[in-house]
């Protein structure tokens, strides 16, 4: 999943698109493009082995601006209003109702 996100250009290190094999260094800035927002982190320490998510916070500083966080929250709210959580794929009846509403042939 992370390699796929990197290959799509959603993660950049120091404003440069990188390959999954790129190693980070202390002081690097990581930019993560998620939907309409860009989350920014600064690396302050390196980890020798894999650790749980709560421990990662000790090795990064979140530099994401409030403006970007608001953009992401607005996107999430718009998605919730678009379709209720758990509704899944529209049924055939839902599709027909939509086609009738939009007069699609």
Protein backbone atom coordinates (compact mmCIF):
# COMPACT_ATOMS: atom_id res chain seq x y z
CA UNK A 1 0.00 0.00 0.00
CA UNK A 2 2.79 2.45 0.87
CA UNK A 3 4.70 1.61 -2.32
CA UNK A 4 1.52 2.20 -4.34
CA UNK A 5 1.01 5.58 -2.66
CA UNK A 6 4.63 6.51 -3.42
CA UNK A 7 4.40 5.45 -7.05
CA UNK A 8 1.28 7.59 -7.52
CA UNK A 9 3.25 10.63 -6.36
CA UNK A 10 1.20 11.24 -3.22
CA UNK A 11 4.25 11.24 -0.97
CA UNK A 12 7.22 13.53 -1.51
CA UNK A 13 10.38 14.01 0.49
CA UNK A 14 11.77 17.55 0.47
CA UNK A 15 9.32 18.42 -2.36
CA UNK A 16 10.77 15.68 -4.62
CA UNK A 17 8.85 12.63 -5.76
CA UNK A 18 10.73 9.54 -4.58
CA UNK A 19 10.82 5.79 -5.11
CA UNK A 20 9.89 3.32 -2.34
CA UNK A 21 13.58 2.49 -1.79
CA UNK A 22 14.43 6.07 -0.76
CA UNK A 23 15.77 6.30 2.78
CA UNK A 24 14.83 9.27 4.91
CA UNK A 25 17.28 11.27 7.01
CA UNK A 26 16.89 13.41 10.09
CA UNK A 27 15.65 16.84 9.04
CA UNK A 28 13.79 15.63 5.93
CA UNK A 29 10.33 17.04 5.30
CA UNK A 30 7.70 14.51 4.21
CA UNK A 31 4.65 15.74 2.28
CA UNK A 32 1.64 13.44 2.07
CA UNK A 33 -1.09 14.43 -0.39
CA UNK A 34 -4.40 12.99 0.80
CA UNK A 35 -7.49 13.95 -1.19
CA UNK A 36 -7.49 17.78 -1.14
CA UNK A 37 -4.98 18.37 1.67
CA UNK A 38 -1.22 18.14 2.07
CA UNK A 39 0.03 16.83 5.41
CA UNK A 40 3.59 17.86 6.31
CA UNK A 41 5.96 16.12 8.73
CA UNK A 42 9.58 16.67 9.76
CA UNK A 43 11.79 13.69 10.65
CA UNK A 44 13.52 14.23 14.01
CA UNK A 45 14.75 10.69 14.61
CA UNK A 46 15.27 7.38 12.87
CA UNK A 47 13.93 3.97 13.88
CA UNK A 48 16.05 0.80 13.61
CA UNK A 49 13.10 -1.57 13.41
CA UNK A 50 9.34 -1.52 12.90
CA UNK A 51 7.33 -0.08 15.78
CA UNK A 52 3.69 0.54 16.54
CA UNK A 53 1.97 3.67 15.28
CA UNK A 54 1.81 5.42 18.69
CA UNK A 55 5.62 5.31 18.94
CA UNK A 56 6.15 6.94 15.54
CA UNK A 57 5.00 10.27 16.98
CA UNK A 58 8.27 10.44 18.94
CA UNK A 59 10.28 10.51 15.70
CA UNK A 60 8.33 13.09 13.67
CA UNK A 61 6.94 16.59 14.12
CA UNK A 62 3.60 17.38 12.50
CA UNK A 63 3.98 20.67 10.58
CA UNK A 64 0.59 20.51 8.86
CA UNK A 65 -1.13 23.91 8.81
CA UNK A 66 -4.63 24.37 10.20
CA UNK A 67 -5.74 25.41 6.70
CA UNK A 68 -4.77 21.99 5.31
CA UNK A 69 -6.47 20.19 8.20
CA UNK A 70 -9.66 22.20 7.55
CA UNK A 71 -9.49 21.29 3.85
CA UNK A 72 -9.33 17.62 4.78
CA UNK A 73 -12.19 17.92 7.27
CA UNK A 74 -14.32 19.70 4.67
CA UNK A 75 -13.60 16.90 2.19
CA UNK A 76 -14.60 14.27 4.78
CA UNK A 77 -17.84 16.12 5.56
CA UNK A 78 -18.67 16.39 1.86
CA UNK A 79 -18.13 12.65 1.43
CA UNK A 80 -20.37 11.86 4.41
CA UNK A 81 -23.14 14.02 2.96
CA UNK A 82 -22.75 12.50 -0.50
CA UNK A 83 -23.52 8.96 0.61
CA UNK A 84 -24.32 7.55 4.02
CA UNK A 85 -21.61 5.40 5.59
CA UNK A 86 -22.32 1.70 5.10
CA UNK A 87 -24.71 2.11 2.17
CA UNK A 88 -22.24 0.50 -0.20
CA UNK A 89 -22.84 0.23 -3.90
CA UNK A 90 -26.14 1.63 -5.24
CA UNK A 91 -28.74 -1.02 -5.96
CA UNK A 92 -30.39 -1.43 -9.35
CA UNK A 93 -33.43 0.46 -8.03
CA UNK A 94 -31.20 3.30 -6.77
CA UNK A 95 -29.53 3.49 -10.18
CA UNK A 96 -32.89 3.62 -11.98
CA UNK A 97 -34.10 6.34 -9.62
CA UNK A 98 -30.95 8.36 -10.33
CA UNK A 99 -31.30 7.88 -14.07
CA UNK A 100 -34.90 9.04 -13.87
CA UNK A 101 -33.90 12.05 -11.82
CA UNK A 102 -31.12 13.06 -14.20
CA UNK A 103 -33.12 11.92 -17.26
CA UNK A 104 -30.35 9.62 -18.46
CA UNK A 105 -31.26 7.18 -21.24
